[in-house]
Every structure is written in structure tokens, then in C-alpha cells.
């Protein structure tokens, strides 16, 4: 639902039929931009005015960069950003991986890219990557670099189910890396691959001050 604050804001519906630069203006400070269709940024960087809300009503942004300025996101759990980089400052409790294209509970879907994008974006804007209830199937390693944070609901509700062909389910390296409330499981439970690897001295990618809390590893070594 909408907050009273949202209802009081100037509501501006963005359109893909007009140049995005002509629709987003510095004078729109505190406005609400409504995204109800696919908006192609055409590989440009769009700087958002201060304190605006991006309210997604079925639409998404693609191909470019959005630079936030105390920007709030109001959205459900579906894809919002396709080939989009977020920079600047954002007012979010976390980044659901669905915002970057992850589709849980579908074995034919590969959530690797979406999860990794959420982790890297979260590191940039100081927000954790959030996994909800369900099984997230992955065919590439989930990489959690320095200051990266990945949080699920609980090991009984949130599972990263990785294909043994990727070798490692989750790779954590650098300082202050966090993995919490998640089950990491090899897809066919054949004890192939490594569920969670903390750093690699051979590649000089060590893991110091890594936090693994309420995590269950199944199927791999």
C-alpha cells in the first residue's frame, strides 16, 4: 500500500516514448516517479533529484545507470533493473535479488547473475542482498567480495541450490563478508563441489573477518 507521505508527493509517470532526461528534472525534488512500463536508459547515466520515490507499478529500467540522491524504492519482488548500475545514495533496507531478475523455485532458471549483481550493488550503496522464501538455483558461483552481505530468511526457508559443475556454491573473500540465514545445497546431493569456500591463499584472495551465521551446507564437500 501507499504511505501518507507517498500520497502527498507530486506524482510523475515516466514514459519510454520520451527522452528520460526531459522527464527527470532537478526541480522535481521530493516527487514520486511512477515506473509502469519498461524504460530504456539508452546507456546513459541519469541523476535523480533529491529525496524522490521510485514507485514501480509493473515497469522496469534497462541499459544504463541510475544515480540516487536519498532515493526511496517502492516495489514488489520482481525485476526492476535489467543491465542497470545503481550508484549514489539510496534509502533501502536491502536489495531483493528478484529486483535484478532472480526467479526462485524454477529449476530451469539460473539466479547466479542476479544474486551476484545484487551483492555488488549492495556493496556499492551499503545495502545487503536479500533472498526470500524459496530455492534459488544457480549455475555459477555466488561471489561475496569484501564488505558483501547476503541474507536469507532462515536455512529452512531460503536455499541456494548450486550445480556441481560450477565447483563452488558460494565463494567468500576479503574483509567483512557476511552470509546469514541460508542453506547452501548441491543440486543432486552427490557430494560434488564445495558448498562454501572462505578465501583462497593460492590466488591471494584470503577471507578475514568473514561472518557465517545460521547457515546449513548440504551435498558438497
Protein backbone atom coordinates (compact mmCIF):
# COMPACT_ATOMS: atom_id res chain seq x y z
CA UNK A 1 0.00 0.00 0.00
CA UNK A 2 0.89 3.69 -0.12
CA UNK A 3 2.06 5.74 2.84
CA UNK A 4 0.52 9.13 3.57
CA UNK A 5 3.90 10.60 2.62
CA UNK A 6 3.67 8.94 -0.79
CA UNK A 7 0.17 10.27 -1.41
CA UNK A 8 1.32 13.83 -0.68
CA UNK A 9 4.07 13.79 -3.30
CA UNK A 10 3.88 15.12 -6.84
CA UNK A 11 3.23 12.01 -8.98
CA UNK A 12 5.07 11.86 -12.31
CA UNK A 13 4.51 8.89 -14.62
CA UNK A 14 7.62 8.14 -16.67
CA UNK A 15 7.27 7.13 -20.33
CA UNK A 16 9.63 5.26 -22.62
CA UNK A 17 8.33 7.25 -25.59
CA UNK A 18 10.10 10.42 -24.41
CA UNK A 19 13.80 11.02 -23.62
CA UNK A 20 14.30 10.23 -19.95
CA UNK A 21 16.40 13.38 -19.46
CA UNK A 22 13.41 15.53 -20.41
CA UNK A 23 11.21 13.87 -17.78
CA UNK A 24 13.54 13.93 -14.76
CA UNK A 25 14.37 17.45 -13.58
CA UNK A 26 16.24 18.91 -10.63
CA UNK A 27 13.09 20.84 -9.70
CA UNK A 28 11.30 17.52 -9.07
CA UNK A 29 12.84 17.29 -5.59
CA UNK A 30 10.63 15.14 -3.35
CA UNK A 31 8.46 13.90 -6.23
CA UNK A 32 7.29 10.36 -6.92
CA UNK A 33 8.31 8.84 -10.26
CA UNK A 34 5.98 6.05 -11.33
CA UNK A 35 7.50 3.29 -13.46
CA UNK A 36 4.70 1.34 -15.14
CA UNK A 37 6.50 0.29 -18.34
CA UNK A 38 9.98 -0.70 -19.49
CA UNK A 39 12.17 2.43 -19.52
CA UNK A 40 15.33 2.17 -21.64
CA UNK A 41 18.05 4.48 -20.30
CA UNK A 42 19.95 4.08 -23.59
CA UNK A 43 23.29 3.56 -21.86
CA UNK A 44 23.16 6.96 -20.15
CA UNK A 45 23.64 7.96 -16.52
CA UNK A 46 20.51 9.51 -15.03
CA UNK A 47 20.94 11.60 -11.90
CA UNK A 48 17.81 11.57 -9.78
CA UNK A 49 16.67 14.69 -7.88
CA UNK A 50 16.94 14.70 -4.09
CA UNK A 51 14.50 12.69 -1.96
CA UNK A 52 12.38 11.22 -4.75
CA UNK A 53 10.49 7.93 -4.64
CA UNK A 54 10.73 5.43 -7.47
CA UNK A 55 7.39 3.64 -7.38
CA UNK A 56 7.31 0.57 -9.61
CA UNK A 57 3.92 -0.47 -10.92
CA UNK A 58 4.91 -3.30 -13.25
CA UNK A 59 7.70 -1.46 -15.09
CA UNK A 60 11.50 -1.62 -15.03
CA UNK A 61 14.63 0.26 -16.06
CA UNK A 62 17.16 -1.15 -18.52
CA UNK A 63 20.57 -0.33 -20.01
CA UNK A 64 22.23 2.46 -18.08
CA UNK A 65 22.99 3.92 -14.67
CA UNK A 66 20.73 5.46 -12.03
CA UNK A 67 22.46 7.78 -9.58
CA UNK A 68 20.39 8.09 -6.43
CA UNK A 69 20.18 11.09 -4.11
CA UNK A 70 18.50 9.79 -0.97
CA UNK A 71 16.21 7.83 -3.29
CA UNK A 72 13.45 5.57 -1.95
CA UNK A 73 12.24 2.47 -3.83
CA UNK A 74 8.66 1.24 -3.52
CA UNK A 75 8.25 -2.09 -5.30
CA UNK A 76 7.27 -5.71 -5.06
CA UNK A 77 9.60 -8.64 -5.65
CA UNK A 78 10.02 -8.69 -9.42
CA UNK A 79 12.63 -7.45 -11.89
CA UNK A 80 13.22 -3.69 -11.69
CA UNK A 81 16.75 -3.32 -13.05
CA UNK A 82 17.98 -5.04 -16.21
CA UNK A 83 21.58 -4.24 -17.10
CA UNK A 84 21.38 -1.20 -14.81
CA UNK A 85 24.01 0.09 -12.37
CA UNK A 86 22.89 1.84 -9.18
CA UNK A 87 25.16 4.49 -7.68
CA UNK A 88 24.80 7.39 -5.29
CA UNK A 89 22.66 7.19 -2.14
CA UNK A 90 19.54 5.05 -1.71
CA UNK A 91 17.14 4.62 1.19
CA UNK A 92 16.55 0.86 1.20
CA UNK A 93 16.69 -1.81 3.92
CA UNK A 94 18.14 -4.23 1.40
CA UNK A 95 18.10 -5.33 -2.23
CA UNK A 96 15.84 -8.31 -3.03
CA UNK A 97 17.64 -10.38 -5.66
CA UNK A 98 14.35 -10.53 -7.58
CA UNK A 99 14.89 -6.83 -8.41
CA UNK A 100 17.81 -7.96 -10.58
CA UNK A 101 15.98 -10.81 -12.30
CA UNK A 102 16.20 -13.79 -9.93
CA UNK A 103 13.26 -16.20 -10.16
CA UNK A 104 13.15 -18.67 -7.25
CA UNK A 105 11.62 -22.17 -7.34
CA UNK A 106 12.26 -22.65 -11.05
CA UNK A 107 14.93 -25.28 -11.71
CA UNK A 108 15.39 -24.11 -15.30
CA UNK A 109 16.26 -20.61 -14.08
CA UNK A 110 19.83 -19.55 -13.26
CA UNK A 111 19.80 -16.98 -10.45
CA UNK A 112 23.61 -16.60 -10.31
CA UNK A 113 23.88 -13.36 -12.26
CA UNK A 114 21.01 -11.69 -10.40
CA UNK A 115 22.36 -12.63 -6.96
CA UNK A 116 25.88 -11.52 -7.84
CA UNK A 117 24.54 -8.24 -9.24
CA UNK A 118 22.59 -7.63 -6.02
CA UNK A 119 25.71 -8.36 -3.94
CA UNK A 120 27.93 -5.97 -5.93
CA UNK A 121 25.24 -3.28 -5.98
CA UNK A 122 24.62 -3.70 -2.27
CA UNK A 123 28.32 -3.30 -1.57
CA UNK A 124 28.32 -0.07 -3.60
CA UNK A 125 25.31 1.50 -1.86
CA UNK A 126 25.73 -0.15 1.57
CA UNK A 127 22.75 -2.49 1.50
CA UNK A 128 22.55 -6.29 1.90
CA UNK A 129 21.45 -8.61 -0.89
CA UNK A 130 18.22 -10.26 0.29
CA UNK A 131 16.99 -13.73 -0.61
CA UNK A 132 13.42 -14.56 0.30
CA UNK A 133 11.49 -17.78 0.75
CA UNK A 134 12.28 -20.42 -1.87
CA UNK A 135 15.02 -22.24 -3.77
CA UNK A 136 17.40 -20.15 -5.86
CA UNK A 137 19.00 -22.37 -8.50
CA UNK A 138 22.50 -21.30 -9.59
CA UNK A 139 24.86 -22.49 -12.33
CA UNK A 140 27.76 -20.17 -11.47
CA UNK A 141 29.49 -19.45 -8.18
CA UNK A 142 27.94 -16.81 -5.92
CA UNK A 143 30.79 -14.39 -5.24
CA UNK A 144 30.72 -12.40 -1.99
CA UNK A 145 33.63 -9.91 -2.04
CA UNK A 146 34.89 -7.58 0.67
CA UNK A 147 32.01 -5.85 2.51
CA UNK A 148 29.49 -8.01 0.65
CA UNK A 149 26.42 -9.18 2.58
CA UNK A 150 23.92 -11.91 1.64
CA UNK A 151 20.97 -12.59 3.96
CA UNK A 152 18.13 -15.09 3.70
CA UNK A 153 15.15 -15.74 5.99
CA UNK A 154 16.38 -18.98 7.57
CA UNK A 155 18.07 -22.22 6.39
CA UNK A 156 14.66 -23.92 6.36
CA UNK A 157 13.12 -21.25 4.12
CA UNK A 158 15.94 -19.95 1.88
CA UNK A 159 18.14 -22.23 -0.24
CA UNK A 160 20.90 -21.58 -2.76
CA UNK A 161 20.90 -24.77 -4.85
CA UNK A 162 24.07 -24.83 -6.95
CA UNK A 163 25.03 -27.04 -9.87
CA UNK A 164 28.15 -29.10 -9.07
CA UNK A 165 29.62 -28.09 -12.45
CA UNK A 166 30.40 -24.62 -11.06
CA UNK A 167 32.72 -26.20 -8.47
CA UNK A 168 31.92 -23.83 -5.60
CA UNK A 169 28.47 -22.82 -4.43
CA UNK A 170 29.43 -19.66 -2.53
CA UNK A 171 32.88 -18.04 -2.50
CA UNK A 172 33.60 -15.52 0.27
CA UNK A 173 36.78 -13.43 0.20
CA UNK A 174 38.13 -10.18 1.60
CA UNK A 175 37.20 -8.49 4.89
CA UNK A 176 33.78 -8.14 6.46
CA UNK A 177 31.92 -10.61 4.26
CA UNK A 178 28.62 -11.98 5.55
CA UNK A 179 26.41 -14.97 4.74
CA UNK A 180 23.41 -15.41 7.01
CA UNK A 181 20.18 -17.44 7.35
CA UNK A 182 20.65 -19.61 4.24
CA UNK A 183 21.01 -23.26 3.23
CA UNK A 184 23.64 -23.88 0.51
CA UNK A 185 22.96 -27.18 -1.23
CA UNK A 186 24.45 -29.06 -4.17
CA UNK A 187 21.67 -29.74 -6.67
CA UNK A 188 21.79 -33.55 -6.81
CA UNK A 189 23.30 -34.12 -3.35
CA UNK A 190 26.21 -36.15 -4.81
CA UNK A 191 28.92 -34.63 -2.59
CA UNK A 192 30.45 -32.88 -5.58
CA UNK A 193 31.88 -29.40 -5.46
CA UNK A 194 32.33 -27.19 -2.40
CA UNK A 195 29.28 -25.62 -0.77
CA UNK A 196 31.05 -22.64 0.80
CA UNK A 197 34.70 -21.63 0.36
CA UNK A 198 36.33 -18.99 2.53
CA UNK A 199 39.16 -17.42 0.58
CA UNK A 200 41.96 -18.98 -1.43
CA UNK A 201 45.55 -18.36 -0.42
CA UNK A 202 46.87 -19.57 -3.78
CA UNK A 203 45.08 -16.77 -5.58
CA UNK A 204 45.83 -14.37 -2.67
CA UNK A 205 42.09 -13.91 -2.12
CA UNK A 206 42.01 -14.56 1.61
CA UNK A 207 38.94 -14.21 3.80
CA UNK A 208 39.37 -12.33 7.08
CA UNK A 209 36.52 -11.38 9.39
CA UNK A 210 34.04 -13.44 7.42
CA UNK A 211 30.71 -13.95 9.16
CA UNK A 212 28.76 -17.16 8.51
CA UNK A 213 25.71 -17.26 10.76
CA UNK A 214 22.82 -19.75 10.80
CA UNK A 215 23.97 -21.36 7.52
CA UNK A 216 23.48 -25.00 6.53
CA UNK A 217 25.66 -26.69 3.88
CA UNK A 218 24.35 -29.84 2.17
CA UNK A 219 25.58 -32.16 -0.56
CA UNK A 220 29.01 -30.72 -1.32
CA UNK A 221 32.31 -31.25 0.41
